[in-house]
Amino acid sequence: MVADMVRIWVAGWAVSRGTPPPVEKPWGFYVEVADSDHAVGHHVLPETEEALVRRAARSVSVPRTWLKMPAEPGEVEPWLSGGWVVAWEETGHLMAVDLVATRPVAPEGYTAIAETTGAVTYLRVLDAAGELAAKGQMTVLGEAVVVDKVLTDEAHRRRGLGRFVMRTLADRALDGGAVLGVLGASDDGRALYETLGWKKHATLAECVYRG
């Protein structure tokens, strides 16, 4: 179940971020990232086994390459070869939900605009002055949708905009034929998503090669 969710997540993440399609590797997938100071690429492991982690880590020689996998960071740290470090601050949460239509209405004073480019739908919430207050995007992959880049501006938080974005994306995904939602969440995001019925299925450990 978790491995399938990871496969959905990495496929949708790549589409959402505009990267080349994930390349299959013996341990999972590799996603190349261009024009980023943060990363040159990500190895994503659907299943976390010591032999797979060690093999993936040994295959890397380029700094700013990442490993992502469903595991506790402390579990995988002993399996890393020289040059690798656990990115404790980047640890995330793999979450999913059975989608339910709610037909949300934008909070008073805000307007929502949805645009679809290719396979990605972008939702922007504007304030009365037309400035961006919150946003999110999604990619529908058959019966699943991957939600990505949900963010509320600091000045507009605690007004229900995050919930509105998530519910609006869910409704649009349902209209597109999806029934399952999947995402990778930060600690703050997890707190919001759990109030909307999303469940955590695994911790997402992240490690980076420093060289």
C-alpha atoms as a PDB file:
ATOM      1  CA  MET A   1       0.000   0.000   0.000  1.00  0.00           C
ATOM      2  CA  VAL A   2       2.710   2.498   1.014  1.00  0.00           C
ATOM      3  CA  ALA A   3       4.906   1.504  -1.919  1.00  0.00           C
ATOM      4  CA  ASP A   4       2.027   2.157  -4.328  1.00  0.00           C
ATOM      5  CA  MET A   5       1.434   5.557  -2.753  1.00  0.00           C
ATOM      6  CA  VAL A   6       5.112   6.448  -3.158  1.00  0.00           C
ATOM      7  CA  ARG A   7       4.953   5.499  -6.841  1.00  0.00           C
ATOM      8  CA  ILE A   8       1.890   7.697  -7.319  1.00  0.00           C
ATOM      9  CA  TRP A   9       3.499  10.529  -5.398  1.00  0.00           C
ATOM     10  CA  VAL A  10       6.774  10.568  -7.347  1.00  0.00           C
ATOM     11  CA  ALA A  11       4.945  10.360 -10.689  1.00  0.00           C
ATOM     12  CA  GLY A  12       2.640  13.238  -9.808  1.00  0.00           C
ATOM     13  CA  TRP A  13       5.431  15.287  -8.201  1.00  0.00           C
ATOM     14  CA  ALA A  14       7.486  15.078 -11.390  1.00  0.00           C
ATOM     15  CA  VAL A  15       4.574  16.278 -13.522  1.00  0.00           C
ATOM     16  CA  SER A  16       3.706  19.029 -11.047  1.00  0.00           C
ATOM     17  CA  ARG A  17       7.289  20.299 -10.914  1.00  0.00           C
ATOM     18  CA  GLY A  18       7.849  20.049 -14.657  1.00  0.00           C
ATOM     19  CA  THR A  19      10.785  17.642 -14.426  1.00  0.00           C
ATOM     20  CA  PRO A  20      11.594  14.858 -16.893  1.00  0.00           C
ATOM     21  CA  PRO A  21       9.606  11.662 -16.200  1.00  0.00           C
ATOM     22  CA  PRO A  22      11.003   9.487 -13.388  1.00  0.00           C
ATOM     23  CA  VAL A  23      13.558   6.951 -14.622  1.00  0.00           C
ATOM     24  CA  GLU A  24      13.225   3.443 -13.212  1.00  0.00           C
ATOM     25  CA  LYS A  25      16.187   2.169 -11.197  1.00  0.00           C
ATOM     26  CA  PRO A  26      16.784  -1.148  -9.411  1.00  0.00           C
ATOM     27  CA  TRP A  27      15.863   0.552  -6.123  1.00  0.00           C
ATOM     28  CA  GLY A  28      13.003   2.736  -7.388  1.00  0.00           C
ATOM     29  CA  PHE A  29      13.101   5.926  -9.430  1.00  0.00           C
ATOM     30  CA  TYR A  30      15.378   8.817 -10.275  1.00  0.00           C
ATOM     31  CA  VAL A  31      13.997  12.279 -11.033  1.00  0.00           C
ATOM     32  CA  GLU A  32      16.334  14.819 -12.582  1.00  0.00           C
ATOM     33  CA  VAL A  33      15.972  18.431 -11.440  1.00  0.00           C
ATOM     34  CA  ALA A  34      17.283  21.339 -13.509  1.00  0.00           C
ATOM     35  CA  ASP A  35      18.032  24.949 -12.540  1.00  0.00           C
ATOM     36  CA  SER A  36      17.838  24.371  -8.789  1.00  0.00           C
ATOM     37  CA  ASP A  37      20.326  25.344  -6.092  1.00  0.00           C
ATOM     38  CA  HIS A  38      18.680  22.817  -3.789  1.00  0.00           C
ATOM     39  CA  ALA A  39      18.975  19.612  -5.787  1.00  0.00           C
ATOM     40  CA  VAL A  40      20.234  18.104  -9.023  1.00  0.00           C
ATOM     41  CA  GLY A  41      18.026  15.058  -8.670  1.00  0.00           C
ATOM     42  CA  HIS A  42      16.085  12.747  -6.377  1.00  0.00           C
ATOM     43  CA  HIS A  43      16.281   8.984  -5.938  1.00  0.00           C
ATOM     44  CA  VAL A  44      12.923   7.821  -4.591  1.00  0.00           C
ATOM     45  CA  LEU A  45      12.577   4.368  -3.052  1.00  0.00           C
ATOM     46  CA  PRO A  46       9.032   2.918  -2.815  1.00  0.00           C
ATOM     47  CA  GLU A  47      10.316   0.253  -0.419  1.00  0.00           C
ATOM     48  CA  THR A  48      12.974   0.777   2.200  1.00  0.00           C
ATOM     49  CA  GLU A  49      15.386  -2.137   2.523  1.00  0.00           C
ATOM     50  CA  GLU A  50      18.998  -1.885   3.660  1.00  0.00           C
ATOM     51  CA  ALA A  51      20.389  -3.430   0.472  1.00  0.00           C
ATOM     52  CA  LEU A  52      18.390  -1.055  -1.730  1.00  0.00           C
ATOM     53  CA  VAL A  53      19.371   2.034   0.263  1.00  0.00           C
ATOM     54  CA  ARG A  54      23.046   1.072   0.209  1.00  0.00           C
ATOM     55  CA  ARG A  55      22.944   0.376  -3.536  1.00  0.00           C
ATOM     56  CA  ALA A  56      21.209   3.671  -4.307  1.00  0.00           C
ATOM     57  CA  ALA A  57      23.623   5.628  -2.096  1.00  0.00           C
ATOM     58  CA  ARG A  58      26.690   4.032  -3.699  1.00  0.00           C
ATOM     59  CA  SER A  59      25.419   4.957  -7.168  1.00  0.00           C
ATOM     60  CA  VAL A  60      25.673   8.682  -6.413  1.00  0.00           C
ATOM     61  CA  SER A  61      28.753  10.836  -6.967  1.00  0.00           C
ATOM     62  CA  VAL A  62      27.178  14.240  -7.617  1.00  0.00           C
ATOM     63  CA  PRO A  63      26.575  16.581  -4.637  1.00  0.00           C
ATOM     64  CA  ARG A  64      23.026  17.823  -4.001  1.00  0.00           C
ATOM     65  CA  THR A  65      21.564  14.480  -5.013  1.00  0.00           C
ATOM     66  CA  TRP A  66      18.799  13.325  -2.663  1.00  0.00           C
ATOM     67  CA  LEU A  67      17.403  10.040  -1.416  1.00  0.00           C
ATOM     68  CA  LYS A  68      13.748   9.917  -0.366  1.00  0.00           C
ATOM     69  CA  MET A  69      12.051   6.864   1.108  1.00  0.00           C
ATOM     70  CA  PRO A  70       9.239   5.775   3.461  1.00  0.00           C
ATOM     71  CA  ALA A  71      11.201   5.262   6.689  1.00  0.00           C
ATOM     72  CA  GLU A  72      12.240   6.923   9.919  1.00  0.00           C
ATOM     73  CA  PRO A  73      15.454   8.934   9.369  1.00  0.00           C
ATOM     74  CA  GLY A  74      17.248   7.204  12.211  1.00  0.00           C
ATOM     75  CA  GLU A  75      16.526   3.829  10.638  1.00  0.00           C
ATOM     76  CA  VAL A  76      18.339   4.593   7.387  1.00  0.00           C
ATOM     77  CA  GLU A  77      21.206   6.706   8.737  1.00  0.00           C
ATOM     78  CA  PRO A  78      23.470   3.693   9.499  1.00  0.00           C
ATOM     79  CA  TRP A  79      23.058   2.439   5.925  1.00  0.00           C
ATOM     80  CA  LEU A  80      24.450   5.581   4.267  1.00  0.00           C
ATOM     81  CA  SER A  81      27.933   5.619   2.773  1.00  0.00           C
ATOM     82  CA  GLY A  82      30.463   8.426   3.079  1.00  0.00           C
ATOM     83  CA  GLY A  83      29.356  11.866   1.942  1.00  0.00           C
ATOM     84  CA  TRP A  84      25.701  11.281   2.807  1.00  0.00           C
ATOM     85  CA  VAL A  85      23.849  13.037   5.625  1.00  0.00           C
ATOM     86  CA  VAL A  86      20.298  12.741   6.890  1.00  0.00           C
ATOM     87  CA  ALA A  87      18.359  15.953   6.232  1.00  0.00           C
ATOM     88  CA  TRP A  88      16.420  15.840   9.486  1.00  0.00           C
ATOM     89  CA  GLU A  89      14.756  19.210   8.848  1.00  0.00           C
ATOM     90  CA  GLU A  90      13.397  17.955   5.511  1.00  0.00           C
ATOM     91  CA  THR A  91      11.669  14.888   6.971  1.00  0.00           C
ATOM     92  CA  GLY A  92       8.127  14.715   5.623  1.00  0.00           C
ATOM     93  CA  HIS A  93       4.942  12.687   5.807  1.00  0.00           C
ATOM     94  CA  LEU A  94       3.307  10.582   3.101  1.00  0.00           C
ATOM     95  CA  MET A  95      -0.428  11.185   3.385  1.00  0.00           C
ATOM     96  CA  ALA A  96      -3.562  10.053   1.565  1.00  0.00           C
ATOM     97  CA  VAL A  97      -7.331  10.458   1.680  1.00  0.00           C
ATOM     98  CA  ASP A  98     -10.432   9.128  -0.030  1.00  0.00           C
ATOM     99  CA  LEU A  99     -11.755  12.184  -1.817  1.00  0.00           C
ATOM    100  CA  VAL A 100     -15.135  13.622  -0.835  1.00  0.00           C
ATOM    101  CA  ALA A 101     -16.908  16.520  -2.550  1.00  0.00           C
ATOM    102  CA  THR A 102     -17.591  19.513  -0.300  1.00  0.00           C
ATOM    103  CA  ARG A 103     -18.313  22.357  -2.766  1.00  0.00           C
ATOM    104  CA  PRO A 104     -16.365  24.970  -0.761  1.00  0.00           C
ATOM    105  CA  VAL A 105     -16.952  28.696  -1.006  1.00  0.00           C
ATOM    106  CA  ALA A 106     -14.086  31.174  -0.847  1.00  0.00           C
ATOM    107  CA  PRO A 107     -13.894  33.111   2.440  1.00  0.00           C
ATOM    108  CA  GLU A 108     -15.364  36.599   2.283  1.00  0.00           C
ATOM    109  CA  GLY A 109     -13.063  39.057   0.552  1.00  0.00           C
ATOM    110  CA  TYR A 110     -11.243  36.429  -1.500  1.00  0.00           C
ATOM    111  CA  THR A 111     -11.571  35.173  -5.061  1.00  0.00           C
ATOM    112  CA  ALA A 112     -10.369  31.837  -6.450  1.00  0.00           C
ATOM    113  CA  ILE A 113      -8.939  31.366  -9.933  1.00  0.00           C
ATOM    114  CA  ALA A 114      -8.189  27.894 -11.332  1.00  0.00           C
ATOM    115  CA  GLU A 115      -6.153  27.325 -14.487  1.00  0.00           C
ATOM    116  CA  THR A 116      -5.009  24.081 -16.088  1.00  0.00           C
ATOM    117  CA  THR A 117      -1.804  23.873 -18.087  1.00  0.00           C
ATOM    118  CA  GLY A 118      -1.065  20.456 -19.496  1.00  0.00           C
ATOM    119  CA  ALA A 119      -1.716  17.945 -16.730  1.00  0.00           C
ATOM    120  CA  VAL A 120      -1.370  20.419 -13.872  1.00  0.00           C
ATOM    121  CA  THR A 121      -4.197  22.471 -12.375  1.00  0.00           C
ATOM    122  CA  TYR A 122      -3.158  25.611 -10.517  1.00  0.00           C
ATOM    123  CA  LEU A 123      -5.415  27.271  -7.958  1.00  0.00           C
ATOM    124  CA  ARG A 124      -4.762  30.833  -6.827  1.00  0.00           C
ATOM    125  CA  VAL A 125      -6.691  32.701  -4.140  1.00  0.00           C
ATOM    126  CA  LEU A 126      -6.555  36.475  -4.432  1.00  0.00           C
ATOM    127  CA  ASP A 127      -7.412  39.073  -1.806  1.00  0.00           C
ATOM    128  CA  ALA A 128      -9.585  42.140  -2.409  1.00  0.00           C
ATOM    129  CA  ALA A 129      -6.589  44.012  -3.855  1.00  0.00           C
ATOM    130  CA  GLY A 130      -5.885  41.238  -6.321  1.00  0.00           C
ATOM    131  CA  GLU A 131      -2.764  40.056  -4.502  1.00  0.00           C
ATOM    132  CA  LEU A 132      -1.949  36.365  -4.081  1.00  0.00           C
ATOM    133  CA  ALA A 133      -3.089  35.126  -0.668  1.00  0.00           C
ATOM    134  CA  ALA A 134      -2.928  31.346  -1.078  1.00  0.00           C
ATOM    135  CA  LYS A 135      -2.253  28.752  -3.740  1.00  0.00           C
ATOM    136  CA  GLY A 136      -1.970  25.066  -4.517  1.00  0.00           C
ATOM    137  CA  GLN A 137      -1.699  22.758  -7.496  1.00  0.00           C
ATOM    138  CA  MET A 138      -2.514  19.197  -8.439  1.00  0.00           C
ATOM    139  CA  THR A 139      -1.917  16.509 -11.030  1.00  0.00           C
ATOM    140  CA  VAL A 140      -4.539  13.841 -11.744  1.00  0.00           C
ATOM    141  CA  LEU A 141      -3.133  10.405 -12.592  1.00  0.00           C
ATOM    142  CA  GLY A 142      -6.078   8.183 -13.427  1.00  0.00           C
ATOM    143  CA  GLU A 143      -7.978   7.550 -10.191  1.00  0.00           C
ATOM    144  CA  ALA A 144      -5.400   9.358  -8.049  1.00  0.00           C
ATOM    145  CA  VAL A 145      -4.471  12.997  -7.615  1.00  0.00           C
ATOM    146  CA  VAL A 146      -1.192  14.337  -6.258  1.00  0.00           C
ATOM    147  CA  VAL A 147      -1.543  17.659  -4.446  1.00  0.00           C
ATOM    148  CA  ASP A 148       1.512  19.914  -4.363  1.00  0.00           C
ATOM    149  CA  LYS A 149       2.803  23.346  -3.353  1.00  0.00           C
ATOM    150  CA  VAL A 150      -0.068  24.340  -1.058  1.00  0.00           C
ATOM    151  CA  LEU A 151       0.836  27.636   0.583  1.00  0.00           C
ATOM    152  CA  THR A 152      -0.903  30.478   2.397  1.00  0.00           C
ATOM    153  CA  ASP A 153       0.796  33.850   2.706  1.00  0.00           C
ATOM    154  CA  GLU A 154       1.716  34.696   6.293  1.00  0.00           C
ATOM    155  CA  ALA A 155      -0.535  37.765   6.310  1.00  0.00           C
ATOM    156  CA  HIS A 156      -3.571  35.685   5.338  1.00  0.00           C
ATOM    157  CA  ARG A 157      -3.235  32.688   7.627  1.00  0.00           C
ATOM    158  CA  ARG A 158      -5.863  31.500  10.101  1.00  0.00           C
ATOM    159  CA  ARG A 159      -8.651  32.571   7.770  1.00  0.00           C
ATOM    160  CA  GLY A 160      -9.499  29.180   6.320  1.00  0.00           C
ATOM    161  CA  LEU A 161      -7.685  29.660   3.040  1.00  0.00           C
ATOM    162  CA  GLY A 162      -5.616  26.482   3.324  1.00  0.00           C
ATOM    163  CA  ARG A 163      -8.739  24.404   3.898  1.00  0.00           C
ATOM    164  CA  PHE A 164     -10.470  26.144   1.020  1.00  0.00           C
ATOM    165  CA  VAL A 165      -7.565  25.407  -1.332  1.00  0.00           C
ATOM    166  CA  MET A 166      -7.449  21.730  -0.342  1.00  0.00           C
ATOM    167  CA  ARG A 167     -11.207  21.248  -0.613  1.00  0.00           C
ATOM    168  CA  THR A 168     -11.380  23.042  -3.966  1.00  0.00           C
ATOM    169  CA  LEU A 169      -8.575  20.921  -5.401  1.00  0.00           C
ATOM    170  CA  ALA A 170     -10.288  17.782  -4.092  1.00  0.00           C
ATOM    171  CA  ASP A 171     -13.555  18.707  -5.783  1.00  0.00           C
ATOM    172  CA  ARG A 172     -11.809  19.415  -9.086  1.00  0.00           C
ATOM    173  CA  ALA A 173      -9.918  16.109  -8.825  1.00  0.00           C
ATOM    174  CA  LEU A 174     -13.193  14.260  -8.289  1.00  0.00           C
ATOM    175  CA  ASP A 175     -14.613  15.969 -11.345  1.00  0.00           C
ATOM    176  CA  GLY A 176     -11.550  14.709 -13.226  1.00  0.00           C
ATOM    177  CA  GLY A 177     -12.159  11.106 -12.212  1.00  0.00           C
ATOM    178  CA  ALA A 178      -9.856  10.799  -9.191  1.00  0.00           C
ATOM    179  CA  VAL A 179     -10.978   9.102  -5.987  1.00  0.00           C
ATOM    180  CA  LEU A 180      -7.719   9.011  -4.000  1.00  0.00           C
ATOM    181  CA  GLY A 181      -5.571  11.944  -2.907  1.00  0.00           C
ATOM    182  CA  VAL A 182      -1.840  11.601  -2.185  1.00  0.00           C
ATOM    183  CA  LEU A 183       0.732  14.145  -1.042  1.00  0.00           C
ATOM    184  CA  GLY A 184       4.001  14.665   0.783  1.00  0.00           C
ATOM    185  CA  ALA A 185       3.564  17.014   3.735  1.00  0.00           C
ATOM    186  CA  SER A 186       5.746  19.071   6.035  1.00  0.00           C
ATOM    187  CA  ASP A 187       5.001  19.113   9.764  1.00  0.00           C
ATOM    188  CA  ASP A 188       2.893  22.266   9.408  1.00  0.00           C
ATOM    189  CA  GLY A 189       1.098  20.886   6.383  1.00  0.00           C
ATOM    190  CA  ARG A 190       0.362  17.613   8.132  1.00  0.00           C
ATOM    191  CA  ALA A 191      -1.444  19.477  10.920  1.00  0.00           C
ATOM    192  CA  LEU A 192      -3.734  21.163   8.382  1.00  0.00           C
ATOM    193  CA  TYR A 193      -4.362  18.074   6.262  1.00  0.00           C
ATOM    194  CA  GLU A 194      -5.282  15.928   9.249  1.00  0.00           C
ATOM    195  CA  THR A 195      -8.120  18.334  10.063  1.00  0.00           C
ATOM    196  CA  LEU A 196      -9.441  17.577   6.562  1.00  0.00           C
ATOM    197  CA  GLY A 197      -9.376  13.809   6.977  1.00  0.00           C
ATOM    198  CA  TRP A 198      -5.988  13.040   5.446  1.00  0.00           C
ATOM    199  CA  LYS A 199      -4.115  10.168   7.116  1.00  0.00           C
ATOM    200  CA  LYS A 200      -0.383   9.697   7.484  1.00  0.00           C
ATOM    201  CA  HIS A 201       0.811   6.388   6.025  1.00  0.00           C
ATOM    202  CA  ALA A 202       4.576   6.774   6.411  1.00  0.00           C
ATOM    203  CA  THR A 203       7.370   9.111   7.407  1.00  0.00           C
ATOM    204  CA  LEU A 204       9.379  10.295   4.402  1.00  0.00           C
ATOM    205  CA  ALA A 205      13.066  10.241   5.277  1.00  0.00           C
ATOM    206  CA  GLU A 206      15.315  12.506   3.223  1.00  0.00           C
ATOM    207  CA  CYS A 207      19.067  12.274   2.814  1.00  0.00           C
ATOM    208  CA  VAL A 208      21.435  14.403   0.732  1.00  0.00           C
ATOM    209  CA  TYR A 209      24.853  13.695  -0.736  1.00  0.00           C
ATOM    210  CA  ARG A 210      27.332  16.430   0.175  1.00  0.00           C
ATOM    211  CA  GLY A 211      30.327  14.783  -1.477  1.00  0.00           C
END
